[in-house]
Amino acid sequence: MALRFLGIWPNTPSDQSPTIWQDEATGDLIIQSWKADEATVKEAQDVGSVPGHTTDIPEHETVIRLPANMLQFIPRPDGETGRGNTGT
């Protein structure tokens, strides 16, 4: 797996650093961020997704909260990311 760094929380302190990478082989996004609190997980389960789909969260999955200002680092269809703190 070859990951490409996309961005980190702007003006990040050393101990809080939501970060996004992209797997260059698959295009998958790898996201480090805050775990959603119990109230957020419960709300997501209450809202659900598609009819008939379980709202249980499997052991191999989790719910994270991605800060809105991190959306700038998610690749767009044209392959460009935003202009935030990309570490360069």
Protein backbone atom coordinates (compact mmCIF):
# COMPACT_ATOMS: atom_id res chain seq x y z
CA MET A 1 0.00 0.00 0.00
CA ALA A 2 1.33 3.42 -0.92
CA LEU A 3 -0.34 6.31 0.86
CA ARG A 4 -0.23 9.92 -0.25
CA PHE A 5 -0.59 12.58 2.45
CA LEU A 6 -3.44 14.97 1.59
CA GLY A 7 -3.74 17.26 4.59
CA ILE A 8 -3.78 17.86 8.31
CA TRP A 9 -6.02 20.00 10.57
CA PRO A 10 -4.95 23.60 9.88
CA ASN A 11 -2.74 25.09 12.62
CA THR A 12 -2.78 21.74 14.38
CA PRO A 13 -1.44 21.41 17.89
CA SER A 14 0.82 18.40 18.38
CA ASP A 15 -1.86 16.33 20.14
CA GLN A 16 -4.94 16.94 17.98
CA SER A 17 -4.31 16.26 14.37
CA PRO A 18 -7.11 14.98 12.13
CA THR A 19 -5.28 13.85 9.00
CA ILE A 20 -6.26 12.51 5.58
CA TRP A 21 -4.26 10.23 3.28
CA GLN A 22 -5.22 8.54 0.01
CA ASP A 23 -4.32 5.00 -0.99
CA GLU A 24 -2.71 5.54 -4.38
CA ALA A 25 -3.61 2.04 -5.58
CA THR A 26 -7.32 2.10 -4.73
CA GLY A 27 -8.17 5.78 -4.27
CA ASP A 28 -9.54 4.98 -0.79
CA LEU A 29 -9.34 7.73 1.80
CA ILE A 30 -7.64 6.93 5.11
CA ILE A 31 -8.90 9.30 7.78
CA GLN A 32 -7.61 9.92 11.28
CA SER A 33 -10.10 11.99 13.22
CA TRP A 34 -12.11 12.18 16.41
CA LYS A 35 -14.36 9.30 17.35
CA ALA A 36 -17.98 10.30 17.27
CA ASP A 37 -19.49 10.52 20.75
CA GLU A 38 -22.30 8.20 21.83
CA ALA A 39 -24.99 10.80 21.10
CA THR A 40 -23.76 11.21 17.52
CA VAL A 41 -23.58 7.45 16.96
CA LYS A 42 -27.10 7.05 18.38
CA GLU A 43 -28.42 9.83 16.13
CA ALA A 44 -26.79 8.21 13.07
CA GLN A 45 -28.39 4.89 14.02
CA ASP A 46 -31.78 6.55 14.52
CA VAL A 47 -31.59 8.27 11.12
CA GLY A 48 -30.34 5.08 9.42
CA SER A 49 -29.35 4.80 5.79
CA VAL A 50 -31.33 2.61 3.40
CA PRO A 51 -34.50 0.70 4.30
CA GLY A 52 -33.78 -2.73 5.72
CA HIS A 53 -30.08 -2.07 6.35
CA THR A 54 -28.96 -2.65 9.92
CA THR A 55 -27.82 0.33 11.94
CA ASP A 56 -25.50 -1.81 14.06
CA ILE A 57 -21.83 -0.90 13.70
CA PRO A 58 -19.67 -3.97 13.00
CA GLU A 59 -16.54 -4.56 15.10
CA HIS A 60 -14.32 -3.75 12.11
CA GLU A 61 -15.97 -0.32 11.57
CA THR A 62 -16.34 2.86 13.59
CA VAL A 63 -18.02 6.24 13.27
CA ILE A 64 -15.71 9.25 13.11
CA ARG A 65 -16.46 12.97 13.11
CA LEU A 66 -14.63 14.73 10.29
CA PRO A 67 -14.36 18.47 10.96
CA ALA A 68 -15.90 20.57 8.17
CA ASN A 69 -12.61 22.36 7.52
CA MET A 70 -11.04 18.99 6.59
CA LEU A 71 -13.34 18.67 3.56
CA GLN A 72 -10.91 20.90 1.65
CA PHE A 73 -8.46 17.97 1.51
CA ILE A 74 -10.84 15.44 -0.03
CA PRO A 75 -9.92 14.94 -3.70
CA ARG A 76 -12.35 16.35 -6.24
CA PRO A 77 -13.29 14.58 -9.48
CA ASP A 78 -10.61 16.60 -11.29
CA GLY A 79 -7.98 15.19 -8.88
CA GLU A 80 -7.36 18.49 -7.08
CA THR A 81 -7.58 19.04 -3.35
CA GLY A 82 -8.18 22.32 -1.57
CA ARG A 83 -5.47 24.78 -0.63
CA GLY A 84 -5.29 24.07 3.11
CA ASN A 85 -2.32 22.97 5.21
CA THR A 86 -0.87 20.15 3.13
CA GLY A 87 2.45 20.19 4.92
CA THR A 88 4.30 21.63 1.95
